Structure formats: C-alpha cells, structure tokens
Amino acid sequence: MSTGESVQSVAIKPFAVVFPGQGSQSVGMLRDFMSNPQVAQTFAEANEALGYDLQDVVLNGPEDKLNQTEVTQPAILTASIAAYRALRAQFPEYVPTACAGHSLGEYSALVAAEALPFADGVRLVRLRGQLMQAAVPAGTGAMMAILGLADADVVAGCAEISTPDNGVWAANFNSPGQVVISGAKDAVQRAGEFFKEKGARRCVPLAVSVPSHCPMMQSAADKLKEALAEITISEAKLQVYANVLATPVTSKDDVVDCLVRQLVGSVRWTETVQNMKAAGIEALLEVGPGKVLTGLNRKIDKSLKLANVASADDLANVQSVLQ
C-alpha cells in the first residue's frame, strides 16, 4: 500500500506547521535530507534566486559566513520550505489548518501558505537581514533572555529602565516565564541587573548583532515597506498567524502591514500558540532546522502533540503524532 493510500483512510488531528527563526541555523543542517527531490529542488531554486551556492554554505560553511544575517535568513527560510515541501509530498492528504513562524519564520509561513512566492521570499529576507544590520551601528544594540518573571513585570521593568536616548523593550514573548528584551546595549545591561534584583531566575545575553523587534529597527521597517510594495503577495491559502497580532491574516494589505510592524514590534509567540489551541489545533509540527519552537510550545501547552521535521527520519514520526 502506498503512503498516499494509507493516509486517505485515516482521520488526523487538526494541526498547524510552525517555522523557526534566526538562531536555528547550523552548518550541515538538513544534510541527510538533501537526497530528497523536494529538498534538492528547493535549494536549487534558492541558489538561482540569490545568485550564489547557498546549499554549499549550508552544508559546508564556514560557520561565520552562515551566521551573517543576510545569509542566515535565506538559509533558514530555504531549509524550512524544503522540509515543508518534503512533508507535503510524502503526506499529500495531511493539510495543515494553519501556520505560523517565529520572527523570520513568518516569511516561511507565508511561502507555505502560497501568499509569498518562494524566490521573492528568499531575496526579501536577504534584504531584511541587510536592512536590520544597517539600521543600528555594530555594538550599540543588544538582546537578552529574561527567565522566570511574568510578562507584565518585564514590560513594566523595561519602561522603568528606559530613557529617551537608551531604550529597552520586551521583544519576544516566547513562553510563560521567558521574555527576550531588546534595545540599546547599555539599557539592556541595566535591565538585566534590574530583573535579577526583581527575582529573575536567569538573564542570558544573546549572541546577536542587531536588536530585533524594537523601535530601533524603524529605519529598516520603513525600507522594508518600500521593498514589499514591489513584491506580488497573494491571498493566503492557509491561516497565517502574524507575530504582532497572534491572530490569522490573509489579505495582502494585512500581510504587508504585519511584516513591517514585526521589525519594530513584539513577537507574541505564547499568545499565538494559545490562540491556535483555542481555535481547535491539537498538534504542532515544527518544520525546519532545530527544535527551539518545540521546546517553547511544550512549555506553553503540554496538551499539544508535537513533532519536528528536519530530516528524512523525522517524516516517519509524523503519522504517529497526527493520527
């Protein structure tokens, strides 16, 4: 019996696919997946769109090149869409109800929902990385994970710490008790000391070169808006939960608005997962490199069925999670 025949007679749980953001990359990611025809074709399309061999950088590095923001972003999007195409090819009857992505991953979600053409998406996130890097002088911004405090306490603390010239903001609401802050380097450092005094379990500086998801990215957001005006964005064929709303968007205007706002606004991941569950989603598949979102999703709602799709072997686990 073929895979297609086997899944047609089996009812599956309502599920969503979620796509990782920057930080999930590693040299050699998807190496054992490259023989899959959908994966190989996706990387070939990305190579053509970018004008260089992205697949070679992903497989062989060097690591410092892969970690350059303008390379990292198309690499993660390509790896994520490659894995998604492989999933859909093997299980054509498994159609997700919705999708979402964390920060950069929102672009992967839009490609999966056929709102954003893949080649345009690859070039767009390369530009996004360049704009983000150019928006803030190197060494002047920072991000830090605050563990063990309530969301509201982190928001209030950031407001208390910030000054007109040195601001810090809650950037990512990742899971209950995990909020990432972003802003001017001095303000982020002060905030870390402040939150330790307030009882934070840990305050962990992140190895990033730009302070994402805060007002310091406004110049990048303005230029991204100009670039988006030149891209053909279609009505999404799946519900795409936007980071800044934690609710689905489908229209072109809403998609563009949310992508622009995302650079300066918070990633509301905890609410996104909670809203998916409230809408009837029973399982989440993290599709693409790494397992960061699966760890967060488990902390947000332990009743959700979870799985990763980052390798050929991972495809074998999908049926057991969804049936």
C-alpha atoms as a PDB file:
ATOM      1  CA  MET A   1       0.000   0.000   0.000  1.00  0.00           C
ATOM      2  CA  SER A   2       1.398   3.384  -0.915  1.00  0.00           C
ATOM      3  CA  THR A   3       1.811   6.208   1.594  1.00  0.00           C
ATOM      4  CA  GLY A   4      -0.893   8.220  -0.163  1.00  0.00           C
ATOM      5  CA  GLU A   5      -3.379   5.335   0.065  1.00  0.00           C
ATOM      6  CA  SER A   6      -2.619   4.693   3.725  1.00  0.00           C
ATOM      7  CA  VAL A   7      -3.304   8.239   4.862  1.00  0.00           C
ATOM      8  CA  GLN A   8      -6.538   8.673   2.920  1.00  0.00           C
ATOM      9  CA  SER A   9      -8.426   6.290   5.226  1.00  0.00           C
ATOM     10  CA  VAL A  10      -7.068   7.731   8.475  1.00  0.00           C
ATOM     11  CA  ALA A  11      -8.535  10.698  10.287  1.00  0.00           C
ATOM     12  CA  ILE A  12      -5.877  13.111  11.538  1.00  0.00           C
ATOM     13  CA  LYS A  13      -5.789  15.672  14.293  1.00  0.00           C
ATOM     14  CA  PRO A  14      -6.196  19.324  13.269  1.00  0.00           C
ATOM     15  CA  PHE A  15      -2.621  20.586  13.084  1.00  0.00           C
ATOM     16  CA  ALA A  16      -0.524  23.624  12.304  1.00  0.00           C
ATOM     17  CA  VAL A  17       3.000  23.913  10.988  1.00  0.00           C
ATOM     18  CA  VAL A  18       5.355  26.350  12.686  1.00  0.00           C
ATOM     19  CA  PHE A  19       8.642  27.603  11.287  1.00  0.00           C
ATOM     20  CA  PRO A  20      11.804  28.561  13.205  1.00  0.00           C
ATOM     21  CA  GLY A  21      13.558  31.901  13.237  1.00  0.00           C
ATOM     22  CA  GLN A  22      17.132  33.091  13.256  1.00  0.00           C
ATOM     23  CA  GLY A  23      19.395  31.165  15.617  1.00  0.00           C
ATOM     24  CA  SER A  24      18.234  27.729  14.457  1.00  0.00           C
ATOM     25  CA  GLN A  25      20.894  27.505  11.760  1.00  0.00           C
ATOM     26  CA  SER A  26      23.910  25.198  11.891  1.00  0.00           C
ATOM     27  CA  VAL A  27      26.477  24.105   9.332  1.00  0.00           C
ATOM     28  CA  GLY A  28      25.328  20.803   7.872  1.00  0.00           C
ATOM     29  CA  MET A  29      21.614  21.286   8.642  1.00  0.00           C
ATOM     30  CA  LEU A  30      19.385  19.040   6.538  1.00  0.00           C
ATOM     31  CA  ARG A  31      22.457  17.149   5.272  1.00  0.00           C
ATOM     32  CA  ASP A  32      20.728  13.753   5.313  1.00  0.00           C
ATOM     33  CA  PHE A  33      17.648  15.324   3.712  1.00  0.00           C
ATOM     34  CA  MET A  34      19.443  16.609   0.600  1.00  0.00           C
ATOM     35  CA  SER A  35      18.779  13.436  -1.397  1.00  0.00           C
ATOM     36  CA  ASN A  36      15.055  14.108  -1.129  1.00  0.00           C
ATOM     37  CA  PRO A  37      13.928  15.515  -4.507  1.00  0.00           C
ATOM     38  CA  GLN A  38      11.806  18.283  -2.977  1.00  0.00           C
ATOM     39  CA  VAL A  39      14.682  19.402  -0.758  1.00  0.00           C
ATOM     40  CA  ALA A  40      17.189  19.343  -3.615  1.00  0.00           C
ATOM     41  CA  GLN A  41      14.840  21.294  -5.881  1.00  0.00           C
ATOM     42  CA  THR A  42      14.163  23.919  -3.212  1.00  0.00           C
ATOM     43  CA  PHE A  43      17.860  24.606  -2.680  1.00  0.00           C
ATOM     44  CA  ALA A  44      18.389  24.759  -6.437  1.00  0.00           C
ATOM     45  CA  GLU A  45      15.661  27.421  -6.666  1.00  0.00           C
ATOM     46  CA  ALA A  46      17.254  29.374  -3.822  1.00  0.00           C
ATOM     47  CA  ASN A  47      20.685  29.224  -5.444  1.00  0.00           C
ATOM     48  CA  GLU A  48      19.206  30.657  -8.642  1.00  0.00           C
ATOM     49  CA  ALA A  49      17.277  33.386  -6.816  1.00  0.00           C
ATOM     50  CA  LEU A  50      20.297  34.527  -4.808  1.00  0.00           C
ATOM     51  CA  GLY A  51      22.972  34.137  -7.464  1.00  0.00           C
ATOM     52  CA  TYR A  52      25.316  32.041  -5.334  1.00  0.00           C
ATOM     53  CA  ASP A  53      25.511  28.491  -3.967  1.00  0.00           C
ATOM     54  CA  LEU A  54      23.518  28.729  -0.737  1.00  0.00           C
ATOM     55  CA  GLN A  55      23.423  24.950  -0.464  1.00  0.00           C
ATOM     56  CA  ASP A  56      27.217  24.817  -0.296  1.00  0.00           C
ATOM     57  CA  VAL A  57      27.284  27.373   2.533  1.00  0.00           C
ATOM     58  CA  VAL A  58      24.595  25.461   4.431  1.00  0.00           C
ATOM     59  CA  LEU A  59      26.378  22.138   4.099  1.00  0.00           C
ATOM     60  CA  ASN A  60      29.997  23.208   4.379  1.00  0.00           C
ATOM     61  CA  GLY A  61      30.126  26.656   5.946  1.00  0.00           C
ATOM     62  CA  PRO A  62      32.249  28.329   7.020  1.00  0.00           C
ATOM     63  CA  GLU A  63      30.163  28.968  10.118  1.00  0.00           C
ATOM     64  CA  ASP A  64      30.926  32.688  10.237  1.00  0.00           C
ATOM     65  CA  LYS A  65      29.518  33.083   6.719  1.00  0.00           C
ATOM     66  CA  LEU A  66      26.359  31.127   7.520  1.00  0.00           C
ATOM     67  CA  ASN A  67      25.905  33.296  10.603  1.00  0.00           C
ATOM     68  CA  GLN A  68      25.985  36.536   8.611  1.00  0.00           C
ATOM     69  CA  THR A  69      22.427  37.817   8.896  1.00  0.00           C
ATOM     70  CA  GLU A  70      21.952  38.294   5.148  1.00  0.00           C
ATOM     71  CA  VAL A  71      22.960  34.641   4.627  1.00  0.00           C
ATOM     72  CA  THR A  72      21.307  33.178   7.715  1.00  0.00           C
ATOM     73  CA  GLN A  73      17.853  34.453   6.872  1.00  0.00           C
ATOM     74  CA  PRO A  74      17.568  32.963   3.350  1.00  0.00           C
ATOM     75  CA  ALA A  75      19.279  29.791   4.582  1.00  0.00           C
ATOM     76  CA  ILE A  76      16.683  29.182   7.296  1.00  0.00           C
ATOM     77  CA  LEU A  77      13.782  30.066   5.015  1.00  0.00           C
ATOM     78  CA  THR A  78      15.095  27.713   2.323  1.00  0.00           C
ATOM     79  CA  ALA A  79      15.715  24.860   4.755  1.00  0.00           C
ATOM     80  CA  SER A  80      12.253  25.327   6.248  1.00  0.00           C
ATOM     81  CA  ILE A  81      10.423  25.359   2.915  1.00  0.00           C
ATOM     82  CA  ALA A  82      12.492  22.411   1.697  1.00  0.00           C
ATOM     83  CA  ALA A  83      11.404  20.368   4.707  1.00  0.00           C
ATOM     84  CA  TYR A  84       7.795  21.532   4.306  1.00  0.00           C
ATOM     85  CA  ARG A  85       7.703  20.506   0.650  1.00  0.00           C
ATOM     86  CA  ALA A  86       9.119  17.100   1.567  1.00  0.00           C
ATOM     87  CA  LEU A  87       6.449  16.702   4.240  1.00  0.00           C
ATOM     88  CA  ARG A  88       3.630  17.630   1.859  1.00  0.00           C
ATOM     89  CA  ALA A  89       4.987  15.345  -0.875  1.00  0.00           C
ATOM     90  CA  GLN A  90       5.118  12.331   1.426  1.00  0.00           C
ATOM     91  CA  PHE A  91       1.771  13.036   3.084  1.00  0.00           C
ATOM     92  CA  PRO A  92      -0.337  14.873   0.490  1.00  0.00           C
ATOM     93  CA  GLU A  93      -3.534  14.281   2.467  1.00  0.00           C
ATOM     94  CA  TYR A  94      -2.110  15.934   5.577  1.00  0.00           C
ATOM     95  CA  VAL A  95      -3.172  19.529   5.011  1.00  0.00           C
ATOM     96  CA  PRO A  96      -2.435  21.912   7.879  1.00  0.00           C
ATOM     97  CA  THR A  97      -5.201  24.079   9.244  1.00  0.00           C
ATOM     98  CA  ALA A  98      -2.851  26.969   9.925  1.00  0.00           C
ATOM     99  CA  CYS A  99       0.765  28.001  10.075  1.00  0.00           C
ATOM    100  CA  ALA A 100       2.975  30.481  11.852  1.00  0.00           C
ATOM    101  CA  GLY A 101       6.638  31.319  12.192  1.00  0.00           C
ATOM    102  CA  HIS A 102       8.766  32.909  14.866  1.00  0.00           C
ATOM    103  CA  SER A 103      10.110  36.252  13.575  1.00  0.00           C
ATOM    104  CA  LEU A 104      11.941  35.314  10.347  1.00  0.00           C
ATOM    105  CA  GLY A 105       9.846  32.135  10.342  1.00  0.00           C
ATOM    106  CA  GLU A 106       6.765  34.193   9.494  1.00  0.00           C
ATOM    107  CA  TYR A 107       8.163  34.529   5.960  1.00  0.00           C
ATOM    108  CA  SER A 108       8.400  30.734   5.711  1.00  0.00           C
ATOM    109  CA  ALA A 109       4.784  30.517   6.867  1.00  0.00           C
ATOM    110  CA  LEU A 110       3.708  32.952   4.152  1.00  0.00           C
ATOM    111  CA  VAL A 111       5.550  30.927   1.499  1.00  0.00           C
ATOM    112  CA  ALA A 112       3.920  27.733   2.783  1.00  0.00           C
ATOM    113  CA  ALA A 113       0.518  29.437   2.598  1.00  0.00           C
ATOM    114  CA  GLU A 114       1.270  30.450  -1.022  1.00  0.00           C
ATOM    115  CA  ALA A 115       0.943  34.126  -0.181  1.00  0.00           C
ATOM    116  CA  LEU A 116       4.611  34.877  -0.926  1.00  0.00           C
ATOM    117  CA  PRO A 117       6.452  33.328  -3.896  1.00  0.00           C
ATOM    118  CA  PHE A 118       9.469  31.359  -2.704  1.00  0.00           C
ATOM    119  CA  ALA A 119      12.074  33.119  -4.879  1.00  0.00           C
ATOM    120  CA  ASP A 120      10.773  36.529  -3.823  1.00  0.00           C
ATOM    121  CA  GLY A 121      10.790  35.393  -0.210  1.00  0.00           C
ATOM    122  CA  VAL A 122      14.425  34.295  -0.360  1.00  0.00           C
ATOM    123  CA  ARG A 123      15.536  37.605  -1.835  1.00  0.00           C
ATOM    124  CA  LEU A 124      13.304  39.561   0.527  1.00  0.00           C
ATOM    125  CA  VAL A 125      14.732  38.030   3.697  1.00  0.00           C
ATOM    126  CA  ARG A 126      18.271  38.605   2.408  1.00  0.00           C
ATOM    127  CA  LEU A 127      17.344  42.279   2.090  1.00  0.00           C
ATOM    128  CA  ARG A 128      15.660  42.165   5.502  1.00  0.00           C
ATOM    129  CA  GLY A 129      18.912  40.966   7.026  1.00  0.00           C
ATOM    130  CA  GLN A 130      20.877  43.707   5.290  1.00  0.00           C
ATOM    131  CA  LEU A 131      18.412  46.389   6.413  1.00  0.00           C
ATOM    132  CA  MET A 132      18.442  45.164  10.007  1.00  0.00           C
ATOM    133  CA  GLN A 133      22.233  45.168  10.103  1.00  0.00           C
ATOM    134  CA  ALA A 134      22.391  48.680   8.658  1.00  0.00           C
ATOM    135  CA  ALA A 135      19.736  50.120  10.984  1.00  0.00           C
ATOM    136  CA  VAL A 136      21.877  50.128  14.136  1.00  0.00           C
ATOM    137  CA  PRO A 137      25.667  50.647  14.344  1.00  0.00           C
ATOM    138  CA  ALA A 138      27.517  47.492  15.331  1.00  0.00           C
ATOM    139  CA  GLY A 139      27.977  47.104  19.074  1.00  0.00           C
ATOM    140  CA  THR A 140      25.295  49.595  20.091  1.00  0.00           C
ATOM    141  CA  GLY A 141      22.343  47.199  20.430  1.00  0.00           C
ATOM    142  CA  ALA A 142      21.753  44.007  22.383  1.00  0.00           C
ATOM    143  CA  MET A 143      19.190  41.371  23.311  1.00  0.00           C
ATOM    144  CA  MET A 144      18.798  39.330  26.483  1.00  0.00           C
ATOM    145  CA  ALA A 145      16.520  36.489  27.593  1.00  0.00           C
ATOM    146  CA  ILE A 146      14.816  37.064  30.925  1.00  0.00           C
ATOM    147  CA  LEU A 147      13.771  33.812  32.586  1.00  0.00           C
ATOM    148  CA  GLY A 148      11.429  33.382  35.499  1.00  0.00           C
ATOM    149  CA  LEU A 149       9.417  36.597  35.534  1.00  0.00           C
ATOM    150  CA  ALA A 150       5.860  37.347  34.414  1.00  0.00           C
ATOM    151  CA  ASP A 151       5.410  39.075  31.058  1.00  0.00           C
ATOM    152  CA  ALA A 152       3.810  42.122  32.661  1.00  0.00           C
ATOM    153  CA  ASP A 153       6.706  42.530  35.085  1.00  0.00           C
ATOM    154  CA  VAL A 154       9.223  42.516  32.232  1.00  0.00           C
ATOM    155  CA  VAL A 155       7.200  45.069  30.263  1.00  0.00           C
ATOM    156  CA  ALA A 156       6.924  47.329  33.312  1.00  0.00           C
ATOM    157  CA  GLY A 157      10.612  46.952  34.121  1.00  0.00           C
ATOM    158  CA  CYS A 158      11.648  47.901  30.599  1.00  0.00           C
ATOM    159  CA  ALA A 159       9.524  51.045  30.794  1.00  0.00           C
ATOM    160  CA  GLU A 160      11.123  51.936  34.123  1.00  0.00           C
ATOM    161  CA  ILE A 161      14.680  51.383  32.875  1.00  0.00           C
ATOM    162  CA  SER A 162      14.325  53.159  29.532  1.00  0.00           C
ATOM    163  CA  THR A 163      15.438  56.717  28.927  1.00  0.00           C
ATOM    164  CA  PRO A 164      14.758  58.817  25.797  1.00  0.00           C
ATOM    165  CA  ASP A 165      18.254  58.043  24.464  1.00  0.00           C
ATOM    166  CA  ASN A 166      18.644  54.473  25.758  1.00  0.00           C
ATOM    167  CA  GLY A 167      15.527  52.395  25.427  1.00  0.00           C
ATOM    168  CA  VAL A 168      14.843  48.715  26.100  1.00  0.00           C
ATOM    169  CA  TRP A 169      11.684  46.823  25.190  1.00  0.00           C
ATOM    170  CA  ALA A 170      10.102  43.394  25.508  1.00  0.00           C
ATOM    171  CA  ALA A 171      10.792  41.888  22.094  1.00  0.00           C
ATOM    172  CA  ASN A 172       9.772  38.217  22.211  1.00  0.00           C
ATOM    173  CA  PHE A 173       7.132  36.684  24.448  1.00  0.00           C
ATOM    174  CA  ASN A 174       8.410  33.160  23.867  1.00  0.00           C
ATOM    175  CA  SER A 175       6.710  31.114  26.584  1.00  0.00           C
ATOM    176  CA  PRO A 176       5.446  31.634  30.128  1.00  0.00           C
ATOM    177  CA  GLY A 177       8.459  32.840  32.099  1.00  0.00           C
ATOM    178  CA  GLN A 178      10.647  33.531  29.054  1.00  0.00           C
ATOM    179  CA  VAL A 179      10.731  37.021  27.573  1.00  0.00           C
ATOM    180  CA  VAL A 180      13.518  38.384  25.370  1.00  0.00           C
ATOM    181  CA  ILE A 181      14.293  42.073  25.715  1.00  0.00           C
ATOM    182  CA  SER A 182      15.904  44.221  23.039  1.00  0.00           C
ATOM    183  CA  GLY A 183      17.323  47.715  22.759  1.00  0.00           C
ATOM    184  CA  ALA A 184      20.348  49.886  23.384  1.00  0.00           C
ATOM    185  CA  LYS A 185      23.260  47.895  24.799  1.00  0.00           C
ATOM    186  CA  ASP A 186      23.596  49.948  27.991  1.00  0.00           C
ATOM    187  CA  ALA A 187      19.860  49.810  28.654  1.00  0.00           C
ATOM    188  CA  VAL A 188      19.742  46.049  28.132  1.00  0.00           C
ATOM    189  CA  GLN A 189      22.610  45.570  30.576  1.00  0.00           C
ATOM    190  CA  ARG A 190      20.896  47.788  33.165  1.00  0.00           C
ATOM    191  CA  ALA A 191      17.671  45.882  32.645  1.00  0.00           C
ATOM    192  CA  GLY A 192      19.428  42.571  33.249  1.00  0.00           C
ATOM    193  CA  GLU A 193      20.730  43.806  36.610  1.00  0.00           C
ATOM    194  CA  PHE A 194      17.299  45.226  37.447  1.00  0.00           C
ATOM    195  CA  PHE A 195      15.496  41.967  36.667  1.00  0.00           C
ATOM    196  CA  LYS A 196      17.972  39.888  38.671  1.00  0.00           C
ATOM    197  CA  GLU A 197      17.156  42.065  41.674  1.00  0.00           C
ATOM    198  CA  LYS A 198      13.462  41.507  40.948  1.00  0.00           C
ATOM    199  CA  GLY A 199      13.902  37.738  41.145  1.00  0.00           C
ATOM    200  CA  ALA A 200      14.598  36.619  37.587  1.00  0.00           C
ATOM    201  CA  ARG A 201      15.966  33.091  37.559  1.00  0.00           C
ATOM    202  CA  ARG A 202      18.458  33.930  34.811  1.00  0.00           C
ATOM    203  CA  CYS A 203      19.276  36.821  32.478  1.00  0.00           C
ATOM    204  CA  VAL A 204      21.080  35.491  29.421  1.00  0.00           C
ATOM    205  CA  PRO A 205      22.682  37.815  26.836  1.00  0.00           C
ATOM    206  CA  LEU A 206      22.016  36.605  23.282  1.00  0.00           C
ATOM    207  CA  ALA A 207      24.701  36.295  20.627  1.00  0.00           C
ATOM    208  CA  VAL A 208      23.050  38.607  18.113  1.00  0.00           C
ATOM    209  CA  SER A 209      24.359  41.555  16.144  1.00  0.00           C
ATOM    210  CA  VAL A 210      21.150  43.611  15.986  1.00  0.00           C
ATOM    211  CA  PRO A 211      18.407  44.487  18.496  1.00  0.00           C
ATOM    212  CA  SER A 212      15.423  42.970  16.721  1.00  0.00           C
ATOM    213  CA  HIS A 213      11.740  43.667  17.349  1.00  0.00           C
ATOM    214  CA  CYS A 214      12.094  47.063  18.921  1.00  0.00           C
ATOM    215  CA  PRO A 215      11.759  50.709  17.769  1.00  0.00           C
ATOM    216  CA  MET A 216      15.484  50.839  16.944  1.00  0.00           C
ATOM    217  CA  MET A 217      14.555  48.918  13.779  1.00  0.00           C
ATOM    218  CA  GLN A 218      12.280  51.687  12.470  1.00  0.00           C
ATOM    219  CA  SER A 219      14.552  52.699   9.586  1.00  0.00           C
ATOM    220  CA  ALA A 220      14.741  49.054   8.480  1.00  0.00           C
ATOM    221  CA  ALA A 221      10.951  48.776   8.697  1.00  0.00           C
ATOM    222  CA  ASP A 222      10.496  51.853   6.514  1.00  0.00           C
ATOM    223  CA  LYS A 223      12.771  50.460   3.799  1.00  0.00           C
ATOM    224  CA  LEU A 224      11.236  47.005   4.057  1.00  0.00           C
ATOM    225  CA  LYS A 225       7.836  48.567   3.397  1.00  0.00           C
ATOM    226  CA  GLU A 226       9.193  50.055   0.166  1.00  0.00           C
ATOM    227  CA  ALA A 227      10.551  46.667  -0.907  1.00  0.00           C
ATOM    228  CA  LEU A 228       7.285  44.894  -0.094  1.00  0.00           C
ATOM    229  CA  ALA A 229       5.441  47.298  -2.384  1.00  0.00           C
ATOM    230  CA  GLU A 230       7.365  45.754  -5.298  1.00  0.00           C
ATOM    231  CA  ILE A 231       6.500  42.138  -4.406  1.00  0.00           C
ATOM    232  CA  THR A 232       3.435  40.224  -5.534  1.00  0.00           C
ATOM    233  CA  ILE A 233       1.668  38.976  -2.409  1.00  0.00           C
ATOM    234  CA  SER A 234      -1.437  36.846  -2.852  1.00  0.00           C
ATOM    235  CA  GLU A 235      -4.303  35.913  -0.574  1.00  0.00           C
ATOM    236  CA  ALA A 236      -3.011  33.274   1.835  1.00  0.00           C
ATOM    237  CA  LYS A 237      -4.417  29.781   1.254  1.00  0.00           C
ATOM    238  CA  LEU A 238      -3.844  28.829   4.889  1.00  0.00           C
ATOM    239  CA  GLN A 239      -4.409  30.803   8.040  1.00  0.00           C
ATOM    240  CA  VAL A 240      -1.132  32.565   8.890  1.00  0.00           C
ATOM    241  CA  TYR A 241      -0.880  33.738  12.476  1.00  0.00           C
ATOM    242  CA  ALA A 242       1.022  37.028  12.486  1.00  0.00           C
ATOM    243  CA  ASN A 243       3.636  37.667  15.176  1.00  0.00           C
ATOM    244  CA  VAL A 244       2.412  41.142  16.058  1.00  0.00           C
ATOM    245  CA  LEU A 245      -1.254  40.128  16.313  1.00  0.00           C
ATOM    246  CA  ALA A 246      -1.142  36.483  17.437  1.00  0.00           C
ATOM    247  CA  THR A 247      -4.165  36.022  15.152  1.00  0.00           C
ATOM    248  CA  PRO A 248      -4.514  34.997  11.489  1.00  0.00           C
ATOM    249  CA  VAL A 249      -4.147  37.304   8.498  1.00  0.00           C
ATOM    250  CA  THR A 250      -4.952  36.521   4.877  1.00  0.00           C
ATOM    251  CA  SER A 251      -5.207  39.731   2.835  1.00  0.00           C
ATOM    252  CA  LYS A 252      -2.202  41.290   1.107  1.00  0.00           C
ATOM    253  CA  ASP A 253      -2.573  44.591   2.945  1.00  0.00           C
ATOM    254  CA  ASP A 254      -2.674  42.858   6.329  1.00  0.00           C
ATOM    255  CA  VAL A 255       0.314  40.672   5.460  1.00  0.00           C
ATOM    256  CA  VAL A 256       2.430  43.662   4.421  1.00  0.00           C
ATOM    257  CA  ASP A 257       1.366  45.677   7.445  1.00  0.00           C
ATOM    258  CA  CYS A 258       2.256  42.865   9.835  1.00  0.00           C
ATOM    259  CA  LEU A 259       5.658  42.192   8.237  1.00  0.00           C
ATOM    260  CA  VAL A 260       6.573  45.874   8.539  1.00  0.00           C
ATOM    261  CA  ARG A 261       5.312  46.143  12.104  1.00  0.00           C
ATOM    262  CA  GLN A 262       7.094  42.917  13.039  1.00  0.00           C
ATOM    263  CA  LEU A 263      10.536  44.546  12.797  1.00  0.00           C
ATOM    264  CA  VAL A 264       9.677  47.094  15.486  1.00  0.00           C
ATOM    265  CA  GLY A 265       7.022  45.168  17.424  1.00  0.00           C
ATOM    266  CA  SER A 266       6.984  42.192  19.765  1.00  0.00           C
ATOM    267  CA  VAL A 267       6.765  38.541  18.718  1.00  0.00           C
ATOM    268  CA  ARG A 268       3.717  37.296  20.628  1.00  0.00           C
ATOM    269  CA  TRP A 269       4.528  33.591  20.418  1.00  0.00           C
ATOM    270  CA  THR A 270       2.893  32.482  23.659  1.00  0.00           C
ATOM    271  CA  GLU A 271      -0.420  34.035  22.607  1.00  0.00           C
ATOM    272  CA  THR A 272      -0.067  32.630  19.091  1.00  0.00           C
ATOM    273  CA  VAL A 273       0.160  29.055  20.339  1.00  0.00           C
ATOM    274  CA  GLN A 274      -2.622  29.615  22.869  1.00  0.00           C
ATOM    275  CA  ASN A 275      -4.879  31.057  20.170  1.00  0.00           C
ATOM    276  CA  MET A 276      -4.160  28.142  17.857  1.00  0.00           C
ATOM    277  CA  LYS A 277      -5.137  25.725  20.603  1.00  0.00           C
ATOM    278  CA  ALA A 278      -8.316  27.709  21.312  1.00  0.00           C
ATOM    279  CA  ALA A 279      -9.175  27.524  17.594  1.00  0.00           C
ATOM    280  CA  GLY A 280      -9.065  23.719  17.686  1.00  0.00           C
ATOM    281  CA  ILE A 281      -5.445  22.927  16.777  1.00  0.00           C
ATOM    282  CA  GLU A 282      -4.354  19.723  18.509  1.00  0.00           C
ATOM    283  CA  ALA A 283      -0.840  19.227  17.113  1.00  0.00           C
ATOM    284  CA  LEU A 284       2.071  21.417  16.036  1.00  0.00           C
ATOM    285  CA  LEU A 285       4.794  20.350  13.604  1.00  0.00           C
ATOM    286  CA  GLU A 286       7.976  22.404  13.765  1.00  0.00           C
ATOM    287  CA  VAL A 287       9.235  22.274  10.192  1.00  0.00           C
ATOM    288  CA  GLY A 288      12.802  23.345   9.525  1.00  0.00           C
ATOM    289  CA  PRO A 289      16.132  23.279  11.355  1.00  0.00           C
ATOM    290  CA  GLY A 290      16.365  22.944  15.125  1.00  0.00           C
ATOM    291  CA  LYS A 291      13.867  22.249  17.885  1.00  0.00           C
ATOM    292  CA  VAL A 292      13.635  25.642  19.584  1.00  0.00           C
ATOM    293  CA  LEU A 293       9.929  26.139  18.962  1.00  0.00           C
ATOM    294  CA  THR A 294       9.040  22.622  20.073  1.00  0.00           C
ATOM    295  CA  GLY A 295      10.610  23.350  23.449  1.00  0.00           C
ATOM    296  CA  LEU A 296       8.698  26.614  23.751  1.00  0.00           C
ATOM    297  CA  ASN A 297       5.437  25.053  22.591  1.00  0.00           C
ATOM    298  CA  ARG A 298       5.713  22.317  25.214  1.00  0.00           C
ATOM    299  CA  LYS A 299       6.013  24.962  27.934  1.00  0.00           C
ATOM    300  CA  ILE A 300       3.041  26.900  26.564  1.00  0.00           C
ATOM    301  CA  ASP A 301       0.603  23.977  26.392  1.00  0.00           C
ATOM    302  CA  LYS A 302       1.537  20.451  27.426  1.00  0.00           C
ATOM    303  CA  SER A 303      -1.621  19.000  25.879  1.00  0.00           C
ATOM    304  CA  LEU A 304      -0.479  19.718  22.325  1.00  0.00           C
ATOM    305  CA  LYS A 305       1.028  16.890  20.299  1.00  0.00           C
ATOM    306  CA  LEU A 306       4.430  17.978  18.997  1.00  0.00           C
ATOM    307  CA  ALA A 307       6.911  16.808  16.379  1.00  0.00           C
ATOM    308  CA  ASN A 308       9.847  18.117  14.337  1.00  0.00           C
ATOM    309  CA  VAL A 309      10.503  17.734  10.635  1.00  0.00           C
ATOM    310  CA  ALA A 310      14.170  18.478   9.978  1.00  0.00           C
ATOM    311  CA  SER A 311      15.368  15.209   8.446  1.00  0.00           C
ATOM    312  CA  ALA A 312      14.179  12.255   6.408  1.00  0.00           C
ATOM    313  CA  ASP A 313      13.920  10.177   9.600  1.00  0.00           C
ATOM    314  CA  ASP A 314      11.616  12.774  11.166  1.00  0.00           C
ATOM    315  CA  LEU A 315       8.989  12.150   8.494  1.00  0.00           C
ATOM    316  CA  ALA A 316       8.414   8.692   9.972  1.00  0.00           C
ATOM    317  CA  ASN A 317       7.176  10.260  13.229  1.00  0.00           C
ATOM    318  CA  VAL A 318       4.546  12.455  11.656  1.00  0.00           C
ATOM    319  CA  GLN A 319       1.827   9.834  11.348  1.00  0.00           C
ATOM    320  CA  SER A 320       2.073   8.788  14.991  1.00  0.00           C
ATOM    321  CA  VAL A 321       1.668  12.403  16.121  1.00  0.00           C
ATOM    322  CA  LEU A 322      -1.219  13.325  13.831  1.00  0.00           C
ATOM    323  CA  GLN A 323      -3.312  10.153  13.934  1.00  0.00           C
END
